[in-house]
PDB file of N, CA and C in Angstrom:
ATOM      1  N   MET A   1      52.806  -0.760  78.013  1.00  0.00           N
ATOM      2  CA  MET A   1      51.784   0.120  77.487  1.00  0.00           C
ATOM      3  C   MET A   1      50.622   0.266  78.465  1.00  0.00           C
ATOM      4  N   THR A   2      50.070  -0.852  78.937  1.00  0.00           N
ATOM      5  CA  THR A   2      48.942  -0.793  79.858  1.00  0.00           C
ATOM      6  C   THR A   2      49.309  -0.033  81.122  1.00  0.00           C
ATOM      7  N   THR A   3      50.502  -0.245  81.629  1.00  0.00           N
ATOM      8  CA  THR A   3      50.934   0.439  82.839  1.00  0.00           C
ATOM      9  C   THR A   3      50.906   1.949  82.634  1.00  0.00           C
ATOM     10  N   ALA A   4      51.362   2.416  81.485  1.00  0.00           N
ATOM     11  CA  ALA A   4      51.375   3.851  81.191  1.00  0.00           C
ATOM     12  C   ALA A   4      49.968   4.415  81.090  1.00  0.00           C
ATOM     13  N   VAL A   5      49.036   3.630  80.570  1.00  0.00           N
ATOM     14  CA  VAL A   5      47.646   4.083  80.450  1.00  0.00           C
ATOM     15  C   VAL A   5      47.061   4.346  81.834  1.00  0.00           C
ATOM     16  N   TYR A   6      47.305   3.452  82.769  1.00  0.00           N
ATOM     17  CA  TYR A   6      46.777   3.645  84.123  1.00  0.00           C
ATOM     18  C   TYR A   6      47.508   4.771  84.846  1.00  0.00           C
ATOM     19  N   ALA A   7      48.777   4.955  84.546  1.00  0.00           N
ATOM     20  CA  ALA A   7      49.509   6.101  85.111  1.00  0.00           C
ATOM     21  C   ALA A   7      48.849   7.397  84.657  1.00  0.00           C
ATOM     22  N   THR A   8      48.412   7.427  83.413  1.00  0.00           N
ATOM     23  CA  THR A   8      47.722   8.602  82.882  1.00  0.00           C
ATOM     24  C   THR A   8      46.400   8.827  83.606  1.00  0.00           C
ATOM     25  N   GLU A   9      45.677   7.757  83.909  1.00  0.00           N
ATOM     26  CA  GLU A   9      44.410   7.891  84.648  1.00  0.00           C
ATOM     27  C   GLU A   9      44.656   8.474  86.038  1.00  0.00           C
ATOM     28  N   VAL A  10      45.673   7.973  86.714  1.00  0.00           N
ATOM     29  CA  VAL A  10      46.003   8.503  88.047  1.00  0.00           C
ATOM     30  C   VAL A  10      46.368   9.977  87.929  1.00  0.00           C
ATOM     31  N   ARG A  11      47.144  10.314  86.935  1.00  0.00           N
ATOM     32  CA  ARG A  11      47.555  11.707  86.728  1.00  0.00           C
ATOM     33  C   ARG A  11      46.343  12.603  86.492  1.00  0.00           C
ATOM     34  N   ARG A  12      45.385  12.131  85.702  1.00  0.00           N
ATOM     35  CA  ARG A  12      44.163  12.926  85.439  1.00  0.00           C
ATOM     36  C   ARG A  12      43.400  13.206  86.722  1.00  0.00           C
ATOM     37  N   VAL A  13      43.282  12.198  87.553  1.00  0.00           N
ATOM     38  CA  VAL A  13      42.565  12.371  88.821  1.00  0.00           C
ATOM     39  C   VAL A  13      43.339  13.319  89.733  1.00  0.00           C
ATOM     40  N   ARG A  14      44.649  13.160  89.782  1.00  0.00           N
ATOM     41  CA  ARG A  14      45.479  14.067  90.589  1.00  0.00           C
ATOM     42  C   ARG A  14      45.396  15.484  90.056  1.00  0.00           C
ATOM     43  N   ASP A  15      45.434  15.654  88.736  1.00  0.00           N
ATOM     44  CA  ASP A  15      45.342  16.982  88.128  1.00  0.00           C
ATOM     45  C   ASP A  15      44.004  17.647  88.434  1.00  0.00           C
ATOM     46  N   ALA A  16      42.997  16.842  88.720  1.00  0.00           N
ATOM     47  CA  ALA A  16      41.676  17.383  89.078  1.00  0.00           C
ATOM     48  C   ALA A  16      41.647  17.866  90.522  1.00  0.00           C
ATOM     49  N   GLY A  17      42.733  17.643  91.257  1.00  0.00           N
ATOM     50  CA  GLY A  17      42.818  18.163  92.620  1.00  0.00           C
ATOM     51  C   GLY A  17      42.720  17.125  93.717  1.00  0.00           C
ATOM     52  N   LEU A  18      42.512  15.871  93.365  1.00  0.00           N
ATOM     53  CA  LEU A  18      42.469  14.849  94.399  1.00  0.00           C
ATOM     54  C   LEU A  18      43.888  14.520  94.844  1.00  0.00           C
ATOM     55  N   GLU A  19      44.014  14.233  96.100  1.00  0.00           N
ATOM     56  CA  GLU A  19      45.320  13.886  96.658  1.00  0.00           C
ATOM     57  C   GLU A  19      45.545  12.384  96.550  1.00  0.00           C
ATOM     58  N   THR A  20      46.777  11.987  96.673  1.00  0.00           N
ATOM     59  CA  THR A  20      47.127  10.568  96.620  1.00  0.00           C
ATOM     60  C   THR A  20      46.344   9.776  97.650  1.00  0.00           C
ATOM     61  N   ILE A  21      46.163  10.332  98.832  1.00  0.00           N
ATOM     62  CA  ILE A  21      45.413   9.641  99.893  1.00  0.00           C
ATOM     63  C   ILE A  21      43.957   9.410  99.479  1.00  0.00           C
ATOM     64  N   ASP A  22      43.371  10.354  98.740  1.00  0.00           N
ATOM     65  CA  ASP A  22      41.998  10.194  98.268  1.00  0.00           C
ATOM     66  C   ASP A  22      41.897   9.065  97.249  1.00  0.00           C
ATOM     67  N   ILE A  23      42.852   9.010  96.335  1.00  0.00           N
ATOM     68  CA  ILE A  23      42.868   7.949  95.324  1.00  0.00           C
ATOM     69  C   ILE A  23      43.081   6.604  96.012  1.00  0.00           C
ATOM     70  N   ALA A  24      43.964   6.580  96.995  1.00  0.00           N
ATOM     71  CA  ALA A  24      44.214   5.346  97.744  1.00  0.00           C
ATOM     72  C   ALA A  24      42.944   4.884  98.452  1.00  0.00           C
ATOM     73  N   GLN A  25      42.238   5.804  99.063  1.00  0.00           N
ATOM     74  CA  GLN A  25      41.004   5.427  99.758  1.00  0.00           C
ATOM     75  C   GLN A  25      39.961   4.895  98.783  1.00  0.00           C
ATOM     76  N   ALA A  26      39.802   5.559  97.655  1.00  0.00           N
ATOM     77  CA  ALA A  26      38.793   5.151  96.675  1.00  0.00           C
ATOM     78  C   ALA A  26      39.097   3.788  96.064  1.00  0.00           C
ATOM     79  N   THR A  27      40.362   3.440  95.976  1.00  0.00           N
ATOM     80  CA  THR A  27      40.755   2.189  95.323  1.00  0.00           C
ATOM     81  C   THR A  27      41.113   1.078  96.304  1.00  0.00           C
ATOM     82  N   GLY A  28      41.193   1.407  97.582  1.00  0.00           N
ATOM     83  CA  GLY A  28      41.477   0.394  98.592  1.00  0.00           C
ATOM     84  C   GLY A  28      42.927  -0.050  98.643  1.00  0.00           C
ATOM     85  N   VAL A  29      43.832   0.875  98.342  1.00  0.00           N
ATOM     86  CA  VAL A  29      45.255   0.546  98.384  1.00  0.00           C
ATOM     87  C   VAL A  29      45.998   1.556  99.258  1.00  0.00           C
ATOM     88  N   ASP A  30      47.261   1.286  99.464  1.00  0.00           N
ATOM     89  CA  ASP A  30      48.129   2.192 100.194  1.00  0.00           C
ATOM     90  C   ASP A  30      48.597   3.314  99.262  1.00  0.00           C
ATOM     91  N   THR A  31      48.969   4.442  99.835  1.00  0.00           N
ATOM     92  CA  THR A  31      49.446   5.567  99.020  1.00  0.00           C
ATOM     93  C   THR A  31      50.684   5.189  98.207  1.00  0.00           C
ATOM     94  N   SER A  32      51.505   4.292  98.722  1.00  0.00           N
ATOM     95  CA  SER A  32      52.692   3.881  97.956  1.00  0.00           C
ATOM     96  C   SER A  32      52.299   3.137  96.684  1.00  0.00           C
ATOM     97  N   THR A  33      51.191   2.429  96.725  1.00  0.00           N
ATOM     98  CA  THR A  33      50.704   1.736  95.533  1.00  0.00           C
ATOM     99  C   THR A  33      50.225   2.745  94.498  1.00  0.00           C
ATOM    100  N   VAL A  34      49.513   3.769  94.952  1.00  0.00           N
ATOM    101  CA  VAL A  34      49.072   4.821  94.031  1.00  0.00           C
ATOM    102  C   VAL A  34      50.287   5.485  93.389  1.00  0.00           C
ATOM    103  N   SER A  35      51.314   5.750  94.179  1.00  0.00           N
ATOM    104  CA  SER A  35      52.539   6.344  93.638  1.00  0.00           C
ATOM    105  C   SER A  35      53.187   5.423  92.603  1.00  0.00           C
ATOM    106  N   ALA A  36      53.167   4.123  92.860  1.00  0.00           N
ATOM    107  CA  ALA A  36      53.722   3.165  91.896  1.00  0.00           C
ATOM    108  C   ALA A  36      52.915   3.169  90.603  1.00  0.00           C
ATOM    109  N   TRP A  37      51.590   3.293  90.707  1.00  0.00           N
ATOM    110  CA  TRP A  37      50.756   3.404  89.496  1.00  0.00           C
ATOM    111  C   TRP A  37      51.108   4.677  88.742  1.00  0.00           C
ATOM    112  N   LEU A  38      51.222   5.766  89.499  1.00  0.00           N
ATOM    113  CA  LEU A  38      51.501   7.069  88.897  1.00  0.00           C
ATOM    114  C   LEU A  38      52.829   7.064  88.148  1.00  0.00           C
ATOM    115  N   ASN A  39      53.801   6.375  88.705  1.00  0.00           N
ATOM    116  CA  ASN A  39      55.132   6.318  88.096  1.00  0.00           C
ATOM    117  C   ASN A  39      55.305   5.131  87.150  1.00  0.00           C
ATOM    118  N   ALA A  40      54.176   4.469  86.818  1.00  0.00           N
ATOM    119  CA  ALA A  40      54.156   3.344  85.877  1.00  0.00           C
ATOM    120  C   ALA A  40      55.074   2.198  86.297  1.00  0.00           C
ATOM    121  N   ARG A  41      55.216   1.999  87.607  1.00  0.00           N
ATOM    122  CA  ARG A  41      55.994   0.869  88.104  1.00  0.00           C
ATOM    123  C   ARG A  41      55.110  -0.343  88.368  1.00  0.00           C
ATOM    124  N   ARG A  42      53.810  -0.090  88.531  1.00  0.00           N
ATOM    125  CA  ARG A  42      52.846  -1.165  88.759  1.00  0.00           C
ATOM    126  C   ARG A  42      51.561  -0.833  88.013  1.00  0.00           C
ATOM    127  N   THR A  43      50.766  -1.862  87.792  1.00  0.00           N
ATOM    128  CA  THR A  43      49.486  -1.717  87.104  1.00  0.00           C
ATOM    129  C   THR A  43      48.373  -2.186  88.031  1.00  0.00           C
ATOM    130  N   PRO A  44      47.321  -1.392  88.193  1.00  0.00           N
ATOM    131  CA  PRO A  44      46.203  -1.854  89.021  1.00  0.00           C
ATOM    132  C   PRO A  44      45.489  -3.016  88.331  1.00  0.00           C
ATOM    133  N   THR A  45      44.987  -3.931  89.124  1.00  0.00           N
ATOM    134  CA  THR A  45      44.275  -5.086  88.584  1.00  0.00           C
ATOM    135  C   THR A  45      42.980  -5.308  89.357  1.00  0.00           C
ATOM    136  N   GLY A  46      42.103  -6.086  88.773  1.00  0.00           N
ATOM    137  CA  GLY A  46      40.877  -6.508  89.443  1.00  0.00           C
ATOM    138  C   GLY A  46      40.025  -5.356  89.939  1.00  0.00           C
ATOM    139  N   ALA A  47      39.538  -5.506  91.155  1.00  0.00           N
ATOM    140  CA  ALA A  47      38.650  -4.501  91.751  1.00  0.00           C
ATOM    141  C   ALA A  47      39.343  -3.152  91.900  1.00  0.00           C
ATOM    142  N   ARG A  48      40.631  -3.159  92.169  1.00  0.00           N
ATOM    143  CA  ARG A  48      41.363  -1.888  92.316  1.00  0.00           C
ATOM    144  C   ARG A  48      41.405  -1.133  90.991  1.00  0.00           C
ATOM    145  N   ARG A  49      41.605  -1.847  89.916  1.00  0.00           N
ATOM    146  CA  ARG A  49      41.570  -1.224  88.593  1.00  0.00           C
ATOM    147  C   ARG A  49      40.185  -0.641  88.331  1.00  0.00           C
ATOM    148  N   ASN A  50      39.158  -1.421  88.657  1.00  0.00           N
ATOM    149  CA  ASN A  50      37.784  -0.949  88.454  1.00  0.00           C
ATOM    150  C   ASN A  50      37.508   0.315  89.249  1.00  0.00           C
ATOM    151  N   ARG A  51      37.936   0.363  90.504  1.00  0.00           N
ATOM    152  CA  ARG A  51      37.709   1.551  91.338  1.00  0.00           C
ATOM    153  C   ARG A  51      38.435   2.763  90.765  1.00  0.00           C
ATOM    154  N   LEU A  52      39.656   2.571  90.274  1.00  0.00           N
ATOM    155  CA  LEU A  52      40.407   3.687  89.690  1.00  0.00           C
ATOM    156  C   LEU A  52      39.690   4.241  88.463  1.00  0.00           C
ATOM    157  N   VAL A  53      39.245   3.368  87.595  1.00  0.00           N
ATOM    158  CA  VAL A  53      38.566   3.800  86.382  1.00  0.00           C
ATOM    159  C   VAL A  53      37.223   4.455  86.723  1.00  0.00           C
ATOM    160  N   GLU A  54      36.518   3.909  87.692  1.00  0.00           N
ATOM    161  CA  GLU A  54      35.248   4.512  88.123  1.00  0.00           C
ATOM    162  C   GLU A  54      35.477   5.906  88.707  1.00  0.00           C
ATOM    163  N   LEU A  55      36.495   6.040  89.541  1.00  0.00           N
ATOM    164  CA  LEU A  55      36.815   7.350  90.106  1.00  0.00           C
ATOM    165  C   LEU A  55      37.144   8.342  89.007  1.00  0.00           C
ATOM    166  N   SER A  56      37.945   7.919  88.055  1.00  0.00           N
ATOM    167  CA  SER A  56      38.314   8.784  86.938  1.00  0.00           C
ATOM    168  C   SER A  56      37.081   9.215  86.150  1.00  0.00           C
ATOM    169  N   ALA A  57      36.168   8.286  85.904  1.00  0.00           N
ATOM    170  CA  ALA A  57      34.948   8.604  85.155  1.00  0.00           C
ATOM    171  C   ALA A  57      34.087   9.617  85.908  1.00  0.00           C
ATOM    172  N   ILE A  58      33.956   9.437  87.206  1.00  0.00           N
ATOM    173  CA  ILE A  58      33.152  10.366  88.015  1.00  0.00           C
ATOM    174  C   ILE A  58      33.795  11.747  88.009  1.00  0.00           C
ATOM    175  N   VAL A  59      35.094  11.806  88.187  1.00  0.00           N
ATOM    176  CA  VAL A  59      35.806  13.092  88.184  1.00  0.00           C
ATOM    177  C   VAL A  59      35.598  13.804  86.850  1.00  0.00           C
ATOM    178  N   GLU A  60      35.745  13.065  85.775  1.00  0.00           N
ATOM    179  CA  GLU A  60      35.570  13.636  84.434  1.00  0.00           C
ATOM    180  C   GLU A  60      34.168  14.235  84.262  1.00  0.00           C
ATOM    181  N   ARG A  61      33.167  13.504  84.702  1.00  0.00           N
ATOM    182  CA  ARG A  61      31.789  13.982  84.579  1.00  0.00           C
ATOM    183  C   ARG A  61      31.533  15.183  85.480  1.00  0.00           C
ATOM    184  N   LEU A  62      32.042  15.140  86.696  1.00  0.00           N
ATOM    185  CA  LEU A  62      31.828  16.252  87.625  1.00  0.00           C
ATOM    186  C   LEU A  62      32.452  17.543  87.116  1.00  0.00           C
ATOM    187  N   GLN A  63      33.602  17.433  86.467  1.00  0.00           N
ATOM    188  CA  GLN A  63      34.271  18.628  85.957  1.00  0.00           C
ATOM    189  C   GLN A  63      33.434  19.358  84.910  1.00  0.00           C
ATOM    190  N   ARG A  64      32.519  18.636  84.278  1.00  0.00           N
ATOM    191  CA  ARG A  64      31.660  19.259  83.275  1.00  0.00           C
ATOM    192  C   ARG A  64      30.447  19.957  83.877  1.00  0.00           C
ATOM    193  N   VAL A  65      30.087  19.633  85.121  1.00  0.00           N
ATOM    194  CA  VAL A  65      28.849  20.176  85.689  1.00  0.00           C
ATOM    195  C   VAL A  65      29.058  21.096  86.893  1.00  0.00           C
ATOM    196  N   MET A  66      30.293  21.221  87.350  1.00  0.00           N
ATOM    197  CA  MET A  66      30.560  22.114  88.485  1.00  0.00           C
ATOM    198  C   MET A  66      31.940  22.725  88.328  1.00  0.00           C
ATOM    199  N   ASP A  67      32.196  23.713  89.127  1.00  0.00           N
ATOM    200  CA  ASP A  67      33.522  24.326  89.134  1.00  0.00           C
ATOM    201  C   ASP A  67      34.542  23.216  89.391  1.00  0.00           C
ATOM    202  N   PRO A  68      35.461  22.981  88.479  1.00  0.00           N
ATOM    203  CA  PRO A  68      36.420  21.891  88.651  1.00  0.00           C
ATOM    204  C   PRO A  68      37.178  21.943  89.985  1.00  0.00           C
ATOM    205  N   ALA A  69      37.374  23.120  90.528  1.00  0.00           N
ATOM    206  CA  ALA A  69      38.071  23.230  91.809  1.00  0.00           C
ATOM    207  C   ALA A  69      37.249  22.636  92.956  1.00  0.00           C
ATOM    208  N   TYR A  70      35.938  22.524  92.765  1.00  0.00           N
ATOM    209  CA  TYR A  70      35.060  21.994  93.818  1.00  0.00           C
ATOM    210  C   TYR A  70      34.957  20.463  93.783  1.00  0.00           C
ATOM    211  N   VAL A  71      35.367  19.833  92.714  1.00  0.00           N
ATOM    212  CA  VAL A  71      35.241  18.380  92.568  1.00  0.00           C
ATOM    213  C   VAL A  71      35.861  17.622  93.751  1.00  0.00           C
ATOM    214  N   PRO A  72      37.095  17.921  94.173  1.00  0.00           N
ATOM    215  CA  PRO A  72      37.662  17.172  95.308  1.00  0.00           C
ATOM    216  C   PRO A  72      36.850  17.352  96.589  1.00  0.00           C
ATOM    217  N   VAL A  73      36.280  18.519  96.779  1.00  0.00           N
ATOM    218  CA  VAL A  73      35.450  18.762  97.971  1.00  0.00           C
ATOM    219  C   VAL A  73      34.187  17.915  97.895  1.00  0.00           C
ATOM    220  N   TRP A  74      33.526  17.932  96.744  1.00  0.00           N
ATOM    221  CA  TRP A  74      32.282  17.169  96.571  1.00  0.00           C
ATOM    222  C   TRP A  74      32.520  15.692  96.849  1.00  0.00           C
ATOM    223  N   LEU A  75      33.646  15.172  96.417  1.00  0.00           N
ATOM    224  CA  LEU A  75      33.924  13.745  96.581  1.00  0.00           C
ATOM    225  C   LEU A  75      34.154  13.319  98.026  1.00  0.00           C
ATOM    226  N   VAL A  76      34.559  14.252  98.883  1.00  0.00           N
ATOM    227  CA  VAL A  76      34.828  13.885 100.280  1.00  0.00           C
ATOM    228  C   VAL A  76      33.768  14.421 101.250  1.00  0.00           C
ATOM    229  N   LYS A  77      32.735  15.007 100.700  1.00  0.00           N
ATOM    230  CA  LYS A  77      31.667  15.591 101.509  1.00  0.00           C
ATOM    231  C   LYS A  77      30.560  14.556 101.747  1.00  0.00           C
ATOM    232  N   PRO A  78      30.152  14.339 103.003  1.00  0.00           N
ATOM    233  CA  PRO A  78      29.027  13.425 103.240  1.00  0.00           C
ATOM    234  C   PRO A  78      27.766  13.952 102.546  1.00  0.00           C
ATOM    235  N   LEU A  79      27.082  13.077 101.827  1.00  0.00           N
ATOM    236  CA  LEU A  79      25.896  13.479 101.078  1.00  0.00           C
ATOM    237  C   LEU A  79      24.656  12.743 101.584  1.00  0.00           C
ATOM    238  N   THR A  80      23.610  13.491 101.832  1.00  0.00           N
ATOM    239  CA  THR A  80      22.360  12.923 102.316  1.00  0.00           C
ATOM    240  C   THR A  80      21.850  11.830 101.391  1.00  0.00           C
ATOM    241  N   LEU A  81      21.948  12.045 100.080  1.00  0.00           N
ATOM    242  CA  LEU A  81      21.432  11.068  99.121  1.00  0.00           C
ATOM    243  C   LEU A  81      22.246   9.772  99.083  1.00  0.00           C
ATOM    244  N   LEU A  82      23.378   9.767  99.776  1.00  0.00           N
ATOM    245  CA  LEU A  82      24.166   8.532  99.930  1.00  0.00           C
ATOM    246  C   LEU A  82      24.128   8.075 101.389  1.00  0.00           C
ATOM    247  N   ASP A  83      23.051   8.440 102.099  1.00  0.00           N
ATOM    248  CA  ASP A  83      22.924   8.126 103.525  1.00  0.00           C
ATOM    249  C   ASP A  83      24.111   8.652 104.320  1.00  0.00           C
ATOM    250  N   ASP A  84      24.507   9.878 104.009  1.00  0.00           N
ATOM    251  CA  ASP A  84      25.617  10.584 104.650  1.00  0.00           C
ATOM    252  C   ASP A  84      26.980   9.926 104.428  1.00  0.00           C
ATOM    253  N   GLU A  85      27.054   9.092 103.431  1.00  0.00           N
ATOM    254  CA  GLU A  85      28.346   8.524 103.041  1.00  0.00           C
ATOM    255  C   GLU A  85      29.019   9.504 102.078  1.00  0.00           C
ATOM    256  N   ARG A  86      30.332   9.541 102.099  1.00  0.00           N
ATOM    257  CA  ARG A  86      31.078  10.379 101.165  1.00  0.00           C
ATOM    258  C   ARG A  86      31.187   9.637  99.836  1.00  0.00           C
ATOM    259  N   PRO A  87      31.055  10.336  98.707  1.00  0.00           N
ATOM    260  CA  PRO A  87      31.140   9.656  97.413  1.00  0.00           C
ATOM    261  C   PRO A  87      32.407   8.824  97.240  1.00  0.00           C
ATOM    262  N   ILE A  88      33.510   9.323  97.746  1.00  0.00           N
ATOM    263  CA  ILE A  88      34.769   8.584  97.598  1.00  0.00           C
ATOM    264  C   ILE A  88      34.722   7.260  98.358  1.00  0.00           C
ATOM    265  N   GLU A  89      34.015   7.249  99.493  1.00  0.00           N
ATOM    266  CA  GLU A  89      33.831   6.005 100.255  1.00  0.00           C
ATOM    267  C   GLU A  89      32.898   5.057  99.511  1.00  0.00           C
ATOM    268  N   ALA A  90      31.847   5.621  98.920  1.00  0.00           N
ATOM    269  CA  ALA A  90      30.901   4.791  98.170  1.00  0.00           C
ATOM    270  C   ALA A  90      31.605   4.111  96.994  1.00  0.00           C
ATOM    271  N   ILE A  91      32.444   4.845  96.303  1.00  0.00           N
ATOM    272  CA  ILE A  91      33.206   4.258  95.196  1.00  0.00           C
ATOM    273  C   ILE A  91      34.092   3.130  95.724  1.00  0.00           C
ATOM    274  N   ALA A  92      34.749   3.364  96.841  1.00  0.00           N
ATOM    275  CA  ALA A  92      35.627   2.349  97.435  1.00  0.00           C
ATOM    276  C   ALA A  92      34.863   1.075  97.782  1.00  0.00           C
ATOM    277  N   ARG A  93      33.603   1.229  98.160  1.00  0.00           N
ATOM    278  CA  ARG A  93      32.786   0.069  98.539  1.00  0.00           C
ATOM    279  C   ARG A  93      32.085  -0.560  97.348  1.00  0.00           C
ATOM    280  N   GLY A  94      32.437  -0.109  96.137  1.00  0.00           N
ATOM    281  CA  GLY A  94      31.842  -0.689  94.949  1.00  0.00           C
ATOM    282  C   GLY A  94      30.475  -0.131  94.608  1.00  0.00           C
ATOM    283  N   ARG A  95      30.150   1.038  95.150  1.00  0.00           N
ATOM    284  CA  ARG A  95      28.842   1.643  94.913  1.00  0.00           C
ATOM    285  C   ARG A  95      28.930   2.741  93.848  1.00  0.00           C
ATOM    286  N   TYR A  96      29.664   2.461  92.815  1.00  0.00           N
ATOM    287  CA  TYR A  96      29.822   3.418  91.713  1.00  0.00           C
ATOM    288  C   TYR A  96      28.472   3.855  91.147  1.00  0.00           C
ATOM    289  N   ARG A  97      27.576   2.921  90.968  1.00  0.00           N
ATOM    290  CA  ARG A  97      26.285   3.261  90.352  1.00  0.00           C
ATOM    291  C   ARG A  97      25.505   4.279  91.179  1.00  0.00           C
ATOM    292  N   ALA A  98      25.572   4.178  92.499  1.00  0.00           N
ATOM    293  CA  ALA A  98      24.878   5.153  93.354  1.00  0.00           C
ATOM    294  C   ALA A  98      25.465   6.544  93.148  1.00  0.00           C
ATOM    295  N   VAL A  99      26.780   6.626  93.087  1.00  0.00           N
ATOM    296  CA  VAL A  99      27.439   7.915  92.860  1.00  0.00           C
ATOM    297  C   VAL A  99      27.127   8.407  91.450  1.00  0.00           C
ATOM    298  N   SER A 100      27.159   7.510  90.499  1.00  0.00           N
ATOM    299  CA  SER A 100      26.868   7.871  89.113  1.00  0.00           C
ATOM    300  C   SER A 100      25.457   8.441  88.968  1.00  0.00           C
ATOM    301  N   ARG A 101      24.501   7.884  89.694  1.00  0.00           N
ATOM    302  CA  ARG A 101      23.126   8.408  89.641  1.00  0.00           C
ATOM    303  C   ARG A 101      23.059   9.842  90.165  1.00  0.00           C
ATOM    304  N   LEU A 102      23.824  10.136  91.216  1.00  0.00           N
ATOM    305  CA  LEU A 102      23.854  11.512  91.730  1.00  0.00           C
ATOM    306  C   LEU A 102      24.459  12.462  90.711  1.00  0.00           C
ATOM    307  N   VAL A 103      25.523  12.028  90.077  1.00  0.00           N
ATOM    308  CA  VAL A 103      26.155  12.855  89.054  1.00  0.00           C
ATOM    309  C   VAL A 103      25.188  13.058  87.882  1.00  0.00           C
ATOM    310  N   ALA A 104      24.446  12.027  87.536  1.00  0.00           N
ATOM    311  CA  ALA A 104      23.460  12.153  86.453  1.00  0.00           C
ATOM    312  C   ALA A 104      22.415  13.213  86.791  1.00  0.00           C
ATOM    313  N   GLN A 105      22.018  13.282  88.056  1.00  0.00           N
ATOM    314  CA  GLN A 105      21.076  14.330  88.469  1.00  0.00           C
ATOM    315  C   GLN A 105      21.684  15.710  88.278  1.00  0.00           C
ATOM    316  N   LEU A 106      22.954  15.842  88.626  1.00  0.00           N
ATOM    317  CA  LEU A 106      23.644  17.120  88.420  1.00  0.00           C
ATOM    318  C   LEU A 106      23.732  17.437  86.929  1.00  0.00           C
ATOM    319  N   GLU A 107      24.026  16.422  86.134  1.00  0.00           N
ATOM    320  CA  GLU A 107      24.116  16.627  84.688  1.00  0.00           C
ATOM    321  C   GLU A 107      22.768  17.064  84.119  1.00  0.00           C
ATOM    322  N   ASN A 108      21.693  16.436  84.570  1.00  0.00           N
ATOM    323  CA  ASN A 108      20.359  16.794  84.087  1.00  0.00           C
ATOM    324  C   ASN A 108      19.982  18.208  84.507  1.00  0.00           C
ATOM    325  N   ASP A 109      20.330  18.589  85.735  1.00  0.00           N
ATOM    326  CA  ASP A 109      20.052  19.945  86.206  1.00  0.00           C
ATOM    327  C   ASP A 109      20.863  20.976  85.432  1.00  0.00           C
ATOM    328  N   SER A 110      22.079  20.604  85.047  1.00  0.00           N
ATOM    329  CA  SER A 110      22.955  21.539  84.340  1.00  0.00           C
ATOM    330  C   SER A 110      22.489  21.795  82.919  1.00  0.00           C
ATOM    331  N   PHE A 111      21.824  20.809  82.328  1.00  0.00           N
ATOM    332  CA  PHE A 111      21.459  20.941  80.928  1.00  0.00           C
ATOM    333  C   PHE A 111      19.977  21.182  80.703  1.00  0.00           C
ATOM    334  N   SER A 112      19.242  21.430  81.780  1.00  0.00           N
ATOM    335  CA  SER A 112      17.802  21.673  81.603  1.00  0.00           C
ATOM    336  C   SER A 112      17.493  23.141  81.520  1.00  0.00           C
TER     337      SER A 112
END
């Protein structure tokens, strides 16, 4: 059951336009591991599980505040507010909160 739940998370992120290589970079694993998660052959654990869930949460939030087709671009674009780091790299380094704060700014701008 748990394995299928994480396969669904990977599928959601992929359906949002991110490539397997992007998910692998954000979670710190090889693309074959992402494929194993996607096909419910393996379950992410520990920090890798956390990075996958964080990436999924960010993607979900971004889809509500920008053109969903732009989400994959935004995630790989160097951002000044992250000291020119790409959001996907920040997530990989455990800096979810920094990325989340940027998304919160977008959310506040969208609803004001």
